Amino acid sequence: MRSQNDISAKFSALSMGEKLILGGSIVFAIAALILPWIKVSVSGAAGFAGASATKTAVGDPAAIWGWLALLVAIILAGIVIARLMDMQLPALPPQYTWGQAFAALGGALLVFTLLKAWRIQAVDVGGGLSGVDKSFGFGFFIGIIAAVVVAAGAYMMYTEEKGGAIGGGFRR
């Protein structure tokens, strides 16, 4: 079994890009599975109480974008955790690098999150009725910030690999 100091030392040795990817992916996964991304409220009328309902990122509308974003976040976190635990990662095809893989997955996470937001915004919940309101839940805002953090970390990994000045760098 690994000692606590060993894990702490390995975590400290991670680059800033890897830390951003790991932290952002974990926060995104929690936000996608637990926190509300859309809230629909109906105001009370004629003596009846109002009601509201919420859905997570993996719920309707357009659940596919939430599931794909969650899958990408889990894959990214898994790669960084595998590196942290000194696991041997598979060899990529010769024309691709780990920096490119991180950049592609980080960009995909951000795009899937924005597509989910677009579908939430496009939902017509009232059907023309007054008193029905739809809004983004606080989970969406946490999720979009986490997706931007992951994309920034992935960009840092990519630019470090290309010899850029900002931190990152996936050591094989």
N, C-alpha and C. Protein backbone atom coordinates (compact mmCIF):
# COMPACT_ATOMS: atom_id res chain seq x y z
N MET A 1 0.84 -1.18 0.00
CA MET A 1 0.00 0.00 0.00
C MET A 1 0.88 1.24 0.00
N ARG A 2 0.46 2.24 -0.74
CA ARG A 2 1.24 3.48 -0.85
C ARG A 2 1.05 4.34 0.40
N SER A 3 2.11 5.00 0.78
CA SER A 3 1.99 5.90 1.92
C SER A 3 1.35 7.21 1.48
N GLN A 4 0.80 7.92 2.45
CA GLN A 4 0.16 9.20 2.17
C GLN A 4 1.15 10.20 1.61
N ASN A 5 2.39 10.19 2.13
CA ASN A 5 3.41 11.11 1.66
C ASN A 5 3.79 10.82 0.22
N ASP A 6 3.78 9.54 -0.16
CA ASP A 6 4.12 9.17 -1.54
C ASP A 6 3.09 9.75 -2.51
N ILE A 7 1.81 9.63 -2.20
CA ILE A 7 0.76 10.16 -3.06
C ILE A 7 0.84 11.69 -3.10
N SER A 8 1.06 12.31 -1.95
CA SER A 8 1.17 13.77 -1.90
C SER A 8 2.34 14.26 -2.74
N ALA A 9 3.46 13.56 -2.67
CA ALA A 9 4.62 13.96 -3.46
C ALA A 9 4.35 13.81 -4.95
N LYS A 10 3.67 12.74 -5.31
CA LYS A 10 3.35 12.54 -6.73
C LYS A 10 2.35 13.57 -7.22
N PHE A 11 1.38 13.92 -6.37
CA PHE A 11 0.42 14.95 -6.77
C PHE A 11 1.13 16.29 -6.93
N SER A 12 2.05 16.59 -6.05
CA SER A 12 2.80 17.84 -6.17
C SER A 12 3.65 17.87 -7.43
N ALA A 13 4.07 16.70 -7.89
CA ALA A 13 4.90 16.62 -9.10
C ALA A 13 4.09 16.79 -10.38
N LEU A 14 2.77 16.71 -10.29
CA LEU A 14 1.95 16.92 -11.49
C LEU A 14 2.12 18.35 -11.99
N SER A 15 2.04 18.52 -13.29
CA SER A 15 2.11 19.87 -13.85
C SER A 15 0.81 20.62 -13.56
N MET A 16 0.84 21.93 -13.74
CA MET A 16 -0.37 22.74 -13.51
C MET A 16 -1.49 22.29 -14.45
N GLY A 17 -1.18 21.98 -15.69
CA GLY A 17 -2.19 21.50 -16.63
C GLY A 17 -2.86 20.23 -16.17
N GLU A 18 -2.06 19.29 -15.65
CA GLU A 18 -2.61 18.03 -15.15
C GLU A 18 -3.49 18.26 -13.92
N LYS A 19 -3.06 19.16 -13.04
CA LYS A 19 -3.87 19.47 -11.86
C LYS A 19 -5.19 20.11 -12.25
N LEU A 20 -5.16 21.02 -13.23
CA LEU A 20 -6.41 21.65 -13.69
C LEU A 20 -7.34 20.63 -14.31
N ILE A 21 -6.78 19.73 -15.12
CA ILE A 21 -7.60 18.70 -15.75
C ILE A 21 -8.22 17.78 -14.70
N LEU A 22 -7.42 17.33 -13.75
CA LEU A 22 -7.93 16.42 -12.73
C LEU A 22 -9.01 17.09 -11.87
N GLY A 23 -8.71 18.26 -11.34
CA GLY A 23 -9.68 18.95 -10.49
C GLY A 23 -10.93 19.35 -11.24
N GLY A 24 -10.77 19.91 -12.43
CA GLY A 24 -11.93 20.32 -13.22
C GLY A 24 -12.80 19.15 -13.64
N SER A 25 -12.18 18.03 -13.98
CA SER A 25 -12.95 16.85 -14.39
C SER A 25 -13.76 16.28 -13.23
N ILE A 26 -13.16 16.25 -12.04
CA ILE A 26 -13.89 15.74 -10.88
C ILE A 26 -15.05 16.66 -10.53
N VAL A 27 -14.80 17.97 -10.53
CA VAL A 27 -15.88 18.92 -10.24
C VAL A 27 -16.98 18.82 -11.31
N PHE A 28 -16.59 18.68 -12.58
CA PHE A 28 -17.58 18.56 -13.65
C PHE A 28 -18.43 17.31 -13.44
N ALA A 29 -17.81 16.19 -13.11
CA ALA A 29 -18.56 14.95 -12.92
C ALA A 29 -19.57 15.08 -11.78
N ILE A 30 -19.16 15.70 -10.69
CA ILE A 30 -20.09 15.91 -9.56
C ILE A 30 -21.23 16.83 -9.99
N ALA A 31 -20.90 17.91 -10.69
CA ALA A 31 -21.94 18.85 -11.14
C ALA A 31 -22.89 18.18 -12.12
N ALA A 32 -22.37 17.35 -12.99
CA ALA A 32 -23.21 16.71 -14.01
C ALA A 32 -24.15 15.67 -13.42
N LEU A 33 -23.71 14.96 -12.39
CA LEU A 33 -24.51 13.88 -11.84
C LEU A 33 -25.45 14.30 -10.72
N ILE A 34 -25.08 15.32 -9.96
CA ILE A 34 -25.83 15.64 -8.75
C ILE A 34 -26.56 16.98 -8.82
N LEU A 35 -25.90 18.00 -9.34
CA LEU A 35 -26.44 19.36 -9.26
C LEU A 35 -27.43 19.67 -10.39
N PRO A 36 -28.41 20.53 -10.15
CA PRO A 36 -29.42 20.86 -11.17
C PRO A 36 -28.86 21.75 -12.27
N TRP A 37 -29.13 21.37 -13.52
CA TRP A 37 -28.69 22.15 -14.68
C TRP A 37 -29.83 22.95 -15.29
N ILE A 38 -31.05 22.49 -15.10
CA ILE A 38 -32.22 23.22 -15.60
C ILE A 38 -33.29 23.21 -14.51
N LYS A 39 -33.95 24.34 -14.38
CA LYS A 39 -35.01 24.46 -13.39
C LYS A 39 -36.25 24.99 -14.11
N VAL A 40 -37.37 24.32 -13.91
CA VAL A 40 -38.65 24.74 -14.47
C VAL A 40 -39.58 25.02 -13.30
N SER A 41 -40.16 26.22 -13.31
CA SER A 41 -41.06 26.64 -12.23
C SER A 41 -42.41 27.01 -12.81
N VAL A 42 -43.45 26.67 -12.07
CA VAL A 42 -44.81 27.05 -12.42
C VAL A 42 -45.35 27.85 -11.24
N SER A 43 -45.78 29.08 -11.51
CA SER A 43 -46.31 29.91 -10.43
C SER A 43 -47.74 29.47 -10.10
N GLY A 44 -48.08 29.66 -8.84
CA GLY A 44 -49.42 29.28 -8.39
C GLY A 44 -50.47 30.23 -8.94
N ALA A 45 -51.67 29.72 -9.12
CA ALA A 45 -52.78 30.54 -9.61
C ALA A 45 -54.07 30.05 -8.98
N ALA A 46 -54.96 30.95 -8.75
CA ALA A 46 -56.30 30.64 -8.25
C ALA A 46 -56.26 29.78 -6.99
N GLY A 47 -55.38 30.12 -6.07
CA GLY A 47 -55.33 29.41 -4.80
C GLY A 47 -54.49 28.15 -4.81
N PHE A 48 -53.94 27.79 -5.95
CA PHE A 48 -53.09 26.60 -6.01
C PHE A 48 -51.64 27.01 -5.79
N ALA A 49 -50.90 26.14 -5.15
CA ALA A 49 -49.48 26.41 -4.91
C ALA A 49 -48.69 26.19 -6.20
N GLY A 50 -47.59 26.91 -6.32
CA GLY A 50 -46.70 26.71 -7.47
C GLY A 50 -45.84 25.48 -7.26
N ALA A 51 -45.10 25.12 -8.29
CA ALA A 51 -44.24 23.95 -8.23
C ALA A 51 -42.99 24.20 -9.07
N SER A 52 -41.98 23.42 -8.80
CA SER A 52 -40.77 23.51 -9.61
C SER A 52 -40.14 22.13 -9.71
N ALA A 53 -39.36 21.95 -10.75
CA ALA A 53 -38.64 20.69 -10.97
C ALA A 53 -37.28 21.01 -11.55
N THR A 54 -36.31 20.14 -11.26
CA THR A 54 -34.96 20.33 -11.79
C THR A 54 -34.49 19.04 -12.45
N LYS A 55 -33.52 19.19 -13.33
CA LYS A 55 -32.88 18.05 -13.99
C LYS A 55 -31.38 18.26 -13.97
N THR A 56 -30.62 17.18 -13.92
CA THR A 56 -29.17 17.24 -13.98
C THR A 56 -28.71 17.28 -15.43
N ALA A 57 -27.40 17.31 -15.62
CA ALA A 57 -26.86 17.35 -16.99
C ALA A 57 -27.15 16.08 -17.77
N VAL A 58 -27.32 14.97 -17.06
CA VAL A 58 -27.56 13.71 -17.76
C VAL A 58 -29.05 13.42 -17.92
N GLY A 59 -29.88 14.40 -17.57
CA GLY A 59 -31.32 14.28 -17.78
C GLY A 59 -31.75 15.07 -19.00
N ASP A 60 -33.03 14.98 -19.31
CA ASP A 60 -33.56 15.75 -20.45
C ASP A 60 -33.47 17.22 -20.16
N PRO A 61 -33.40 18.09 -21.10
CA PRO A 61 -33.38 17.87 -22.54
C PRO A 61 -32.00 17.50 -23.07
N ALA A 62 -31.99 16.76 -24.15
CA ALA A 62 -30.77 16.37 -24.85
C ALA A 62 -29.75 15.73 -23.91
N ALA A 63 -30.16 14.67 -23.26
CA ALA A 63 -29.30 13.98 -22.29
C ALA A 63 -28.00 13.49 -22.92
N ILE A 64 -28.00 13.23 -24.20
CA ILE A 64 -26.81 12.69 -24.87
C ILE A 64 -25.60 13.61 -24.68
N TRP A 65 -25.80 14.92 -24.74
CA TRP A 65 -24.67 15.86 -24.59
C TRP A 65 -24.13 15.83 -23.17
N GLY A 66 -24.99 15.68 -22.20
CA GLY A 66 -24.54 15.56 -20.82
C GLY A 66 -23.77 14.27 -20.58
N TRP A 67 -24.28 13.16 -21.13
CA TRP A 67 -23.60 11.87 -20.97
C TRP A 67 -22.24 11.88 -21.67
N LEU A 68 -22.18 12.44 -22.87
CA LEU A 68 -20.89 12.49 -23.59
C LEU A 68 -19.88 13.37 -22.84
N ALA A 69 -20.33 14.50 -22.33
CA ALA A 69 -19.44 15.37 -21.56
C ALA A 69 -18.95 14.66 -20.30
N LEU A 70 -19.83 13.97 -19.62
CA LEU A 70 -19.45 13.22 -18.42
C LEU A 70 -18.44 12.13 -18.76
N LEU A 71 -18.64 11.42 -19.84
CA LEU A 71 -17.71 10.37 -20.27
C LEU A 71 -16.33 10.95 -20.55
N VAL A 72 -16.27 12.08 -21.25
CA VAL A 72 -14.98 12.72 -21.54
C VAL A 72 -14.30 13.16 -20.25
N ALA A 73 -15.05 13.73 -19.31
CA ALA A 73 -14.47 14.16 -18.04
C ALA A 73 -13.89 12.97 -17.27
N ILE A 74 -14.60 11.85 -17.27
CA ILE A 74 -14.12 10.65 -16.58
C ILE A 74 -12.86 10.12 -17.25
N ILE A 75 -12.82 10.12 -18.57
CA ILE A 75 -11.63 9.65 -19.29
C ILE A 75 -10.42 10.53 -18.97
N LEU A 76 -10.61 11.85 -19.01
CA LEU A 76 -9.51 12.76 -18.71
C LEU A 76 -9.01 12.58 -17.28
N ALA A 77 -9.91 12.49 -16.32
CA ALA A 77 -9.50 12.27 -14.93
C ALA A 77 -8.79 10.93 -14.80
N GLY A 78 -9.27 9.93 -15.49
CA GLY A 78 -8.66 8.60 -15.44
C GLY A 78 -7.24 8.59 -15.97
N ILE A 79 -6.99 9.33 -17.03
CA ILE A 79 -5.63 9.39 -17.58
C ILE A 79 -4.68 10.04 -16.58
N VAL A 80 -5.11 11.13 -15.97
CA VAL A 80 -4.24 11.82 -15.01
C VAL A 80 -4.04 10.95 -13.76
N ILE A 81 -5.09 10.29 -13.29
CA ILE A 81 -4.96 9.40 -12.13
C ILE A 81 -4.03 8.23 -12.46
N ALA A 82 -4.13 7.68 -13.67
CA ALA A 82 -3.22 6.61 -14.08
C ALA A 82 -1.77 7.09 -14.05
N ARG A 83 -1.54 8.30 -14.48
CA ARG A 83 -0.19 8.88 -14.42
C ARG A 83 0.25 9.04 -12.97
N LEU A 84 -0.66 9.48 -12.13
CA LEU A 84 -0.36 9.67 -10.71
C LEU A 84 0.02 8.35 -10.04
N MET A 85 -0.61 7.27 -10.47
CA MET A 85 -0.36 5.95 -9.87
C MET A 85 0.72 5.16 -10.61
N ASP A 86 1.45 5.81 -11.50
CA ASP A 86 2.54 5.19 -12.26
C ASP A 86 2.08 4.01 -13.12
N MET A 87 0.90 4.09 -13.66
CA MET A 87 0.41 3.04 -14.55
C MET A 87 0.96 3.28 -15.96
N GLN A 88 1.16 2.21 -16.68
CA GLN A 88 1.63 2.30 -18.05
C GLN A 88 0.43 2.64 -18.95
N LEU A 89 0.52 3.75 -19.64
CA LEU A 89 -0.56 4.16 -20.55
C LEU A 89 -0.33 3.54 -21.92
N PRO A 90 -1.39 3.30 -22.67
CA PRO A 90 -1.22 2.70 -23.99
C PRO A 90 -0.50 3.66 -24.94
N ALA A 91 0.19 3.09 -25.88
CA ALA A 91 0.88 3.90 -26.88
C ALA A 91 -0.14 4.45 -27.87
N LEU A 92 -0.01 5.71 -28.17
CA LEU A 92 -0.88 6.33 -29.16
C LEU A 92 -0.32 6.06 -30.55
N PRO A 93 -1.14 6.17 -31.58
CA PRO A 93 -0.59 6.05 -32.93
C PRO A 93 0.54 7.07 -33.13
N PRO A 94 1.53 6.75 -33.95
CA PRO A 94 2.71 7.61 -34.06
C PRO A 94 2.43 9.06 -34.48
N GLN A 95 1.36 9.30 -35.19
CA GLN A 95 1.08 10.67 -35.65
C GLN A 95 0.42 11.53 -34.57
N TYR A 96 0.05 10.94 -33.43
CA TYR A 96 -0.61 11.68 -32.36
C TYR A 96 0.25 11.70 -31.10
N THR A 97 0.09 12.75 -30.32
CA THR A 97 0.81 12.88 -29.06
C THR A 97 -0.21 13.00 -27.93
N TRP A 98 0.27 12.84 -26.69
CA TRP A 98 -0.62 12.98 -25.55
C TRP A 98 -1.14 14.41 -25.42
N GLY A 99 -0.32 15.38 -25.79
CA GLY A 99 -0.78 16.78 -25.76
C GLY A 99 -1.95 17.00 -26.70
N GLN A 100 -1.88 16.39 -27.88
CA GLN A 100 -3.00 16.50 -28.82
C GLN A 100 -4.24 15.79 -28.30
N ALA A 101 -4.04 14.65 -27.65
CA ALA A 101 -5.17 13.91 -27.09
C ALA A 101 -5.85 14.72 -25.99
N PHE A 102 -5.04 15.32 -25.11
CA PHE A 102 -5.61 16.17 -24.06
C PHE A 102 -6.36 17.35 -24.66
N ALA A 103 -5.77 18.00 -25.65
CA ALA A 103 -6.42 19.16 -26.28
C ALA A 103 -7.74 18.77 -26.93
N ALA A 104 -7.75 17.64 -27.63
CA ALA A 104 -8.97 17.19 -28.30
C ALA A 104 -10.06 16.85 -27.28
N LEU A 105 -9.70 16.15 -26.22
CA LEU A 105 -10.70 15.77 -25.22
C LEU A 105 -11.17 16.99 -24.41
N GLY A 106 -10.26 17.90 -24.08
CA GLY A 106 -10.66 19.12 -23.37
C GLY A 106 -11.59 19.97 -24.21
N GLY A 107 -11.28 20.09 -25.50
CA GLY A 107 -12.17 20.82 -26.41
C GLY A 107 -13.52 20.15 -26.57
N ALA A 108 -13.51 18.81 -26.64
CA ALA A 108 -14.77 18.08 -26.76
C ALA A 108 -15.65 18.28 -25.53
N LEU A 109 -15.04 18.28 -24.34
CA LEU A 109 -15.80 18.51 -23.12
C LEU A 109 -16.48 19.88 -23.15
N LEU A 110 -15.75 20.88 -23.56
CA LEU A 110 -16.31 22.23 -23.63
C LEU A 110 -17.43 22.31 -24.68
N VAL A 111 -17.22 21.71 -25.83
CA VAL A 111 -18.24 21.73 -26.89
C VAL A 111 -19.50 20.98 -26.46
N PHE A 112 -19.35 19.81 -25.85
CA PHE A 112 -20.52 19.05 -25.39
C PHE A 112 -21.30 19.84 -24.33
N THR A 113 -20.57 20.53 -23.46
CA THR A 113 -21.23 21.34 -22.42
C THR A 113 -22.00 22.50 -23.05
N LEU A 114 -21.41 23.14 -24.05
CA LEU A 114 -22.10 24.24 -24.73
C LEU A 114 -23.31 23.74 -25.53
N LEU A 115 -23.19 22.55 -26.13
CA LEU A 115 -24.34 21.97 -26.83
C LEU A 115 -25.48 21.67 -25.86
N LYS A 116 -25.14 21.18 -24.68
CA LYS A 116 -26.17 20.94 -23.65
C LYS A 116 -26.85 22.26 -23.28
N ALA A 117 -26.05 23.32 -23.11
CA ALA A 117 -26.62 24.64 -22.77
C ALA A 117 -27.54 25.13 -23.88
N TRP A 118 -27.14 24.92 -25.12
CA TRP A 118 -27.96 25.34 -26.26
C TRP A 118 -29.31 24.62 -26.24
N ARG A 119 -29.29 23.33 -25.95
CA ARG A 119 -30.54 22.56 -25.92
C ARG A 119 -31.41 22.96 -24.73
N ILE A 120 -30.79 23.27 -23.59
CA ILE A 120 -31.57 23.75 -22.45
C ILE A 120 -32.26 25.06 -22.81
N GLN A 121 -31.51 25.96 -23.45
CA GLN A 121 -32.07 27.26 -23.82
C GLN A 121 -33.18 27.14 -24.85
N ALA A 122 -33.10 26.12 -25.69
CA ALA A 122 -34.08 25.96 -26.77
C ALA A 122 -35.39 25.30 -26.32
N VAL A 123 -35.44 24.79 -25.11
CA VAL A 123 -36.64 24.09 -24.64
C VAL A 123 -37.78 25.09 -24.44
N ASP A 124 -38.94 24.73 -24.98
CA ASP A 124 -40.15 25.54 -24.77
C ASP A 124 -40.98 24.83 -23.71
N VAL A 125 -40.93 25.34 -22.51
CA VAL A 125 -41.62 24.66 -21.40
C VAL A 125 -43.05 25.12 -21.19
N GLY A 126 -43.34 26.33 -21.60
CA GLY A 126 -44.66 26.88 -21.29
C GLY A 126 -45.70 26.63 -22.36
N GLY A 127 -45.28 26.40 -23.57
CA GLY A 127 -46.24 26.24 -24.65
C GLY A 127 -47.11 27.47 -24.82
N GLY A 128 -46.56 28.64 -24.50
CA GLY A 128 -47.30 29.88 -24.63
C GLY A 128 -48.07 30.28 -23.38
N LEU A 129 -48.04 29.45 -22.35
CA LEU A 129 -48.74 29.76 -21.11
C LEU A 129 -47.93 30.72 -20.26
N SER A 130 -48.62 31.60 -19.56
CA SER A 130 -47.91 32.48 -18.64
C SER A 130 -47.75 31.76 -17.30
N GLY A 131 -46.76 32.17 -16.55
CA GLY A 131 -46.54 31.58 -15.23
C GLY A 131 -45.60 30.39 -15.25
N VAL A 132 -45.11 29.99 -16.43
CA VAL A 132 -44.14 28.89 -16.52
C VAL A 132 -42.79 29.51 -16.86
N ASP A 133 -41.80 29.21 -16.04
CA ASP A 133 -40.49 29.81 -16.20
C ASP A 133 -39.42 28.73 -16.24
N LYS A 134 -38.44 28.93 -17.11
CA LYS A 134 -37.32 28.00 -17.23
C LYS A 134 -36.04 28.78 -17.03
N SER A 135 -35.09 28.19 -16.31
CA SER A 135 -33.80 28.85 -16.11
C SER A 135 -32.71 27.80 -15.93
N PHE A 136 -31.46 28.26 -16.09
CA PHE A 136 -30.32 27.39 -15.82
C PHE A 136 -30.20 27.21 -14.31
N GLY A 137 -29.93 25.99 -13.89
CA GLY A 137 -29.67 25.73 -12.48
C GLY A 137 -28.23 26.06 -12.14
N PHE A 138 -27.93 26.16 -10.85
CA PHE A 138 -26.57 26.52 -10.44
C PHE A 138 -25.56 25.45 -10.83
N GLY A 139 -25.99 24.21 -11.00
CA GLY A 139 -25.09 23.14 -11.45
C GLY A 139 -24.53 23.40 -12.83
N PHE A 140 -25.34 24.04 -13.68
CA PHE A 140 -24.85 24.38 -15.02
C PHE A 140 -23.68 25.34 -14.93
N PHE A 141 -23.79 26.35 -14.09
CA PHE A 141 -22.72 27.35 -13.99
C PHE A 141 -21.45 26.74 -13.42
N ILE A 142 -21.58 25.85 -12.45
CA ILE A 142 -20.41 25.15 -11.92
C ILE A 142 -19.83 24.24 -13.00
N GLY A 143 -20.70 23.57 -13.75
CA GLY A 143 -20.25 22.69 -14.82
C GLY A 143 -19.52 23.42 -15.94
N ILE A 144 -20.04 24.57 -16.35
CA ILE A 144 -19.39 25.30 -17.45
C ILE A 144 -18.05 25.86 -16.99
N ILE A 145 -17.95 26.31 -15.74
CA ILE A 145 -16.66 26.78 -15.23
C ILE A 145 -15.68 25.62 -15.16
N ALA A 146 -16.12 24.47 -14.69
CA ALA A 146 -15.25 23.29 -14.63
C ALA A 146 -14.79 22.87 -16.03
N ALA A 147 -15.69 22.94 -17.03
CA ALA A 147 -15.32 22.58 -18.39
C ALA A 147 -14.27 23.55 -18.95
N VAL A 148 -14.40 24.84 -18.64
CA VAL A 148 -13.41 25.82 -19.08
C VAL A 148 -12.07 25.56 -18.39
N VAL A 149 -12.09 25.19 -17.11
CA VAL A 149 -10.85 24.88 -16.40
C VAL A 149 -10.17 23.66 -17.03
N VAL A 150 -10.94 22.64 -17.36
CA VAL A 150 -10.38 21.45 -18.01
C VAL A 150 -9.80 21.82 -19.38
N ALA A 151 -10.53 22.60 -20.15
CA ALA A 151 -10.04 23.00 -21.47
C ALA A 151 -8.75 23.83 -21.35
N ALA A 152 -8.67 24.70 -20.34
CA ALA A 152 -7.46 25.48 -20.12
C ALA A 152 -6.29 24.57 -19.75
N GLY A 153 -6.53 23.60 -18.89
CA GLY A 153 -5.48 22.65 -18.54
C GLY A 153 -5.03 21.82 -19.73
N ALA A 154 -5.99 21.42 -20.57
CA ALA A 154 -5.65 20.66 -21.77
C ALA A 154 -4.83 21.51 -22.74
N TYR A 155 -5.18 22.78 -22.86
CA TYR A 155 -4.41 23.69 -23.71
C TYR A 155 -2.99 23.85 -23.17
N MET A 156 -2.86 23.94 -21.84
CA MET A 156 -1.53 24.05 -21.24
C MET A 156 -0.70 22.81 -21.54
N MET A 157 -1.32 21.64 -21.49
CA MET A 157 -0.61 20.39 -21.80
C MET A 157 -0.16 20.39 -23.26
N TYR A 158 -1.02 20.84 -24.13
CA TYR A 158 -0.70 20.88 -25.56
C TYR A 158 0.42 21.87 -25.85
N THR A 159 0.34 23.08 -25.30
CA THR A 159 1.36 24.09 -25.59
C THR A 159 2.71 23.73 -24.98
N GLU A 160 2.71 23.09 -23.82
CA GLU A 160 3.98 22.66 -23.22
C GLU A 160 4.66 21.63 -24.10
N GLU A 161 3.87 20.75 -24.65
CA GLU A 161 4.42 19.73 -25.53
C GLU A 161 5.02 20.35 -26.79
N LYS A 162 4.42 21.45 -27.23
CA LYS A 162 4.90 22.14 -28.43
C LYS A 162 6.03 23.12 -28.11
N GLY A 163 6.40 23.22 -26.84
CA GLY A 163 7.48 24.12 -26.46
C GLY A 163 7.00 25.50 -26.06
N GLY A 164 5.72 25.61 -25.69
CA GLY A 164 5.16 26.89 -25.28
C GLY A 164 5.65 27.28 -23.89
N ALA A 165 5.32 28.48 -23.50
CA ALA A 165 5.84 29.02 -22.25
C ALA A 165 4.97 28.70 -21.04
N ILE A 166 3.67 28.38 -21.23
CA ILE A 166 2.84 28.16 -20.06
C ILE A 166 2.84 26.70 -19.67
N GLY A 167 2.69 26.45 -18.38
CA GLY A 167 2.94 25.14 -17.77
C GLY A 167 2.12 24.01 -18.30
N GLY A 168 2.53 22.85 -17.99
CA GLY A 168 1.90 21.63 -18.41
C GLY A 168 2.99 20.68 -18.85
N GLY A 169 2.61 19.65 -19.47
CA GLY A 169 3.60 18.70 -19.98
C GLY A 169 3.32 17.33 -19.44
N PHE A 170 2.97 16.43 -20.29
CA PHE A 170 2.65 15.06 -19.89
C PHE A 170 3.89 14.23 -20.08
N ARG A 171 4.44 13.81 -18.97
CA ARG A 171 5.64 12.97 -19.03
C ARG A 171 5.21 11.53 -19.19
N ARG A 172 5.83 10.85 -20.12
CA ARG A 172 5.42 9.46 -20.43
C ARG A 172 6.02 8.48 -19.49
